[in-house]
Each structure stands twice: as structure tokens, then as C-alpha cells.
C-alpha atoms as a PDB file:
ATOM      1  CA  MET A   1     188.806  76.893  90.665  1.00  0.00           C
ATOM      2  CA  ASN A   2     186.271  77.987  88.048  1.00  0.00           C
ATOM      3  CA  ASP A   3     182.587  78.090  88.862  1.00  0.00           C
ATOM      4  CA  VAL A   4     180.462  75.313  87.418  1.00  0.00           C
ATOM      5  CA  LYS A   5     177.654  76.553  85.177  1.00  0.00           C
ATOM      6  CA  VAL A   6     174.624  74.506  84.172  1.00  0.00           C
ATOM      7  CA  ILE A   7     171.897  75.707  81.817  1.00  0.00           C
ATOM      8  CA  GLN A   8     168.856  73.518  81.239  1.00  0.00           C
ATOM      9  CA  LYS A   9     166.832  73.856  78.024  1.00  0.00           C
ATOM     10  CA  ALA A  10     164.014  75.648  79.868  1.00  0.00           C
ATOM     11  CA  ASP A  11     166.523  78.194  81.238  1.00  0.00           C
ATOM     12  CA  VAL A  12     168.005  79.267  77.878  1.00  0.00           C
ATOM     13  CA  LYS A  13     167.721  83.052  77.604  1.00  0.00           C
ATOM     14  CA  TRP A  14     167.520  84.417  74.073  1.00  0.00           C
ATOM     15  CA  GLU A  15     168.532  87.962  73.187  1.00  0.00           C
ATOM     16  CA  PRO A  16     168.742  89.855  69.904  1.00  0.00           C
ATOM     17  CA  HIS A  17     171.867  89.200  67.848  1.00  0.00           C
ATOM     18  CA  PRO A  18     174.179  92.223  68.197  1.00  0.00           C
ATOM     19  CA  GLN A  19     174.390  92.779  64.414  1.00  0.00           C
ATOM     20  CA  LEU A  20     171.707  90.738  62.663  1.00  0.00           C
ATOM     21  CA  PRO A  21     168.032  91.718  62.796  1.00  0.00           C
ATOM     22  CA  ASN A  22     165.562  88.885  63.470  1.00  0.00           C
ATOM     23  CA  VAL A  23     168.364  86.580  64.701  1.00  0.00           C
ATOM     24  CA  GLU A  24     168.634  85.517  68.349  1.00  0.00           C
ATOM     25  CA  VAL A  25     171.585  84.337  70.408  1.00  0.00           C
ATOM     26  CA  SER A  26     171.958  82.706  73.791  1.00  0.00           C
ATOM     27  CA  TYR A  27     175.386  83.061  75.383  1.00  0.00           C
ATOM     28  CA  LEU A  28     176.265  79.854  77.224  1.00  0.00           C
ATOM     29  CA  VAL A  29     179.745  80.962  78.304  1.00  0.00           C
ATOM     30  CA  SER A  30     181.618  83.984  77.082  1.00  0.00           C
ATOM     31  CA  HIS A  31     184.383  86.461  77.631  1.00  0.00           C
ATOM     32  CA  ARG A  32     181.647  89.049  78.071  1.00  0.00           C
ATOM     33  CA  ASP A  33     179.983  87.290  81.022  1.00  0.00           C
ATOM     34  CA  GLU A  34     182.598  84.974  82.571  1.00  0.00           C
ATOM     35  CA  ASN A  35     185.882  86.361  81.207  1.00  0.00           C
ATOM     36  CA  MET A  36     186.441  83.067  79.352  1.00  0.00           C
ATOM     37  CA  ASP A  37     188.959  82.751  76.528  1.00  0.00           C
ATOM     38  CA  LEU A  38     186.246  81.432  74.215  1.00  0.00           C
ATOM     39  CA  THR A  39     182.585  82.127  73.468  1.00  0.00           C
ATOM     40  CA  CYS A  40     179.978  79.349  73.263  1.00  0.00           C
ATOM     41  CA  MET A  41     176.488  80.279  72.167  1.00  0.00           C
ATOM     42  CA  LEU A  42     173.337  79.070  70.538  1.00  0.00           C
ATOM     43  CA  VAL A  43     172.230  80.966  67.434  1.00  0.00           C
ATOM     44  CA  HIS A  44     168.654  80.893  66.140  1.00  0.00           C
ATOM     45  CA  ILE A  45     167.998  82.008  62.556  1.00  0.00           C
ATOM     46  CA  PRO A  46     164.360  81.828  61.427  1.00  0.00           C
ATOM     47  CA  PRO A  47     163.309  80.940  57.871  1.00  0.00           C
ATOM     48  CA  GLY A  48     163.788  83.710  55.334  1.00  0.00           C
ATOM     49  CA  VAL A  49     166.658  85.445  57.157  1.00  0.00           C
ATOM     50  CA  ASP A  50     169.946  85.653  55.254  1.00  0.00           C
ATOM     51  CA  ALA A  51     173.002  86.935  57.078  1.00  0.00           C
ATOM     52  CA  PRO A  52     175.393  89.065  55.028  1.00  0.00           C
ATOM     53  CA  LYS A  53     178.781  87.634  54.084  1.00  0.00           C
ATOM     54  CA  HIS A  54     181.126  88.301  56.981  1.00  0.00           C
ATOM     55  CA  THR A  55     184.335  87.287  58.754  1.00  0.00           C
ATOM     56  CA  HIS A  56     185.398  87.038  62.385  1.00  0.00           C
ATOM     57  CA  GLU A  57     188.659  87.866  64.145  1.00  0.00           C
ATOM     58  CA  CYS A  58     188.601  84.364  65.635  1.00  0.00           C
ATOM     59  CA  ASP A  59     187.810  80.824  64.509  1.00  0.00           C
ATOM     60  CA  ASP A  60     184.078  80.102  64.176  1.00  0.00           C
ATOM     61  CA  ILE A  61     183.118  76.507  64.907  1.00  0.00           C
ATOM     62  CA  VAL A  62     179.533  75.641  63.978  1.00  0.00           C
ATOM     63  CA  TYR A  63     177.532  72.520  64.804  1.00  0.00           C
ATOM     64  CA  VAL A  64     173.965  72.390  63.494  1.00  0.00           C
ATOM     65  CA  LEU A  65     171.451  71.171  66.092  1.00  0.00           C
ATOM     66  CA  LYS A  66     168.179  71.805  64.261  1.00  0.00           C
ATOM     67  CA  GLY A  67     166.815  73.092  60.976  1.00  0.00           C
ATOM     68  CA  LYS A  68     167.768  73.290  57.345  1.00  0.00           C
ATOM     69  CA  ALA A  69     169.776  75.967  55.546  1.00  0.00           C
ATOM     70  CA  LYS A  70     172.954  76.527  53.560  1.00  0.00           C
ATOM     71  CA  ILE A  71     176.243  78.037  54.599  1.00  0.00           C
ATOM     72  CA  TRP A  72     178.453  79.540  51.930  1.00  0.00           C
ATOM     73  CA  VAL A  73     182.155  79.386  52.891  1.00  0.00           C
ATOM     74  CA  GLU A  74     184.901  81.127  50.909  1.00  0.00           C
ATOM     75  CA  GLY A  75     187.109  78.552  49.199  1.00  0.00           C
ATOM     76  CA  ILE A  76     184.593  75.740  49.762  1.00  0.00           C
ATOM     77  CA  GLY A  77     181.280  76.971  48.367  1.00  0.00           C
ATOM     78  CA  GLU A  78     177.868  75.812  49.561  1.00  0.00           C
ATOM     79  CA  VAL A  79     177.548  73.519  52.560  1.00  0.00           C
ATOM     80  CA  SER A  80     174.234  71.933  53.517  1.00  0.00           C
ATOM     81  CA  ALA A  81     173.402  72.953  57.102  1.00  0.00           C
ATOM     82  CA  VAL A  82     171.299  70.139  58.564  1.00  0.00           C
ATOM     83  CA  PRO A  83     171.415  68.519  62.017  1.00  0.00           C
ATOM     84  CA  GLY A  84     174.823  66.981  62.578  1.00  0.00           C
ATOM     85  CA  THR A  85     176.724  69.249  60.175  1.00  0.00           C
ATOM     86  CA  PHE A  86     180.042  70.520  61.576  1.00  0.00           C
ATOM     87  CA  VAL A  87     181.900  73.440  59.986  1.00  0.00           C
ATOM     88  CA  ARG A  88     185.140  75.071  61.201  1.00  0.00           C
ATOM     89  CA  ILE A  89     185.611  78.499  59.653  1.00  0.00           C
ATOM     90  CA  PRO A  90     189.103  79.879  60.298  1.00  0.00           C
ATOM     91  CA  LYS A  91     189.671  83.468  61.343  1.00  0.00           C
ATOM     92  CA  GLY A  92     189.224  85.901  58.451  1.00  0.00           C
ATOM     93  CA  VAL A  93     187.374  83.498  56.102  1.00  0.00           C
ATOM     94  CA  LEU A  94     184.217  84.944  54.513  1.00  0.00           C
ATOM     95  CA  HIS A  95     181.043  82.955  55.185  1.00  0.00           C
ATOM     96  CA  GLN A  96     177.284  83.367  55.070  1.00  0.00           C
ATOM     97  CA  PRO A  97     174.389  81.344  56.443  1.00  0.00           C
ATOM     98  CA  HIS A  98     171.465  81.701  54.021  1.00  0.00           C
ATOM     99  CA  ASP A  99     168.460  80.001  52.412  1.00  0.00           C
ATOM    100  CA  VAL A 100     167.058  79.082  55.828  1.00  0.00           C
ATOM    101  CA  GLU A 101     164.156  76.732  55.092  1.00  0.00           C
ATOM    102  CA  GLU A 102     163.476  75.543  58.658  1.00  0.00           C
ATOM    103  CA  ASP A 103     164.276  77.238  61.987  1.00  0.00           C
ATOM    104  CA  LEU A 104     168.043  76.925  62.241  1.00  0.00           C
ATOM    105  CA  ILE A 105     169.647  76.452  65.636  1.00  0.00           C
ATOM    106  CA  VAL A 106     173.392  76.056  65.789  1.00  0.00           C
ATOM    107  CA  TYR A 107     175.868  75.579  68.596  1.00  0.00           C
ATOM    108  CA  ASP A 108     178.530  78.171  67.813  1.00  0.00           C
ATOM    109  CA  VAL A 109     181.985  78.298  69.411  1.00  0.00           C
ATOM    110  CA  PHE A 110     184.377  81.185  68.840  1.00  0.00           C
ATOM    111  CA  TYR A 111     188.034  80.710  69.750  1.00  0.00           C
ATOM    112  CA  PRO A 112     189.667  82.733  70.981  1.00  0.00           C
ATOM    113  CA  PHE A 113     186.685  84.586  72.359  1.00  0.00           C
ATOM    114  CA  LEU A 114     184.319  86.696  70.300  1.00  0.00           C
ATOM    115  CA  ALA A 115     184.998  90.339  71.075  1.00  0.00           C
END
């Protein structure tokens, strides 16, 4: 049986994003920490930070919790990133969060896990 894990808002631990300066992540469950076959994290991007266009070797599933920005997705174009926006970005598809106007916090799921 797997161990139950509960994280309350006050217990969220932020750490620097492994590749993006000024961006923070909070791993909720991951291959890295629990040997899970997916990675679930919170990502915080402050205003003025633009990530470079990039891809992942897994699906990237994004749900915007807070803030206002844009996400450019190859083959789709610009998507407004506001609370309630859901975006599934398949493995290998170029994308870029940018034009962050208000602190952006997204719930990000990578499947299979983010290496």
C-alpha cells in the first residue's frame, strides 16, 4: 500500500526551478521523491519573467490557479492563462509561458514523470 501524503497550504515548500531563474516550484509528488510514475507540482512565475520556448519528454498538463499570463503553444498559438485555464501539452510540443502580468501559480502534472 502506498503512503498517504497531505500537504496543507502553509506547508508548501518552494525551491528554485531547476532551469529557470526567478521561477519557483513545489513538488507535491514526484518520481524524484516518492518514485511515482508522474510528477505533480506547483509552479510560481512572477511578473516580468518569460520562460524560453521548450519541450518536455512527457505530457505537460497545466491548470492555472492564480494570476494572468499567456502561454504560447506550437500549433495553437496564444492561450490566455487565467484562473481555470486548462492546457494539455503533448510530449515534444514547443510551448512558452510569457507576458506574466500577475503572479502566476499553476498546478502542473507531468506524465509519465518528469525526469
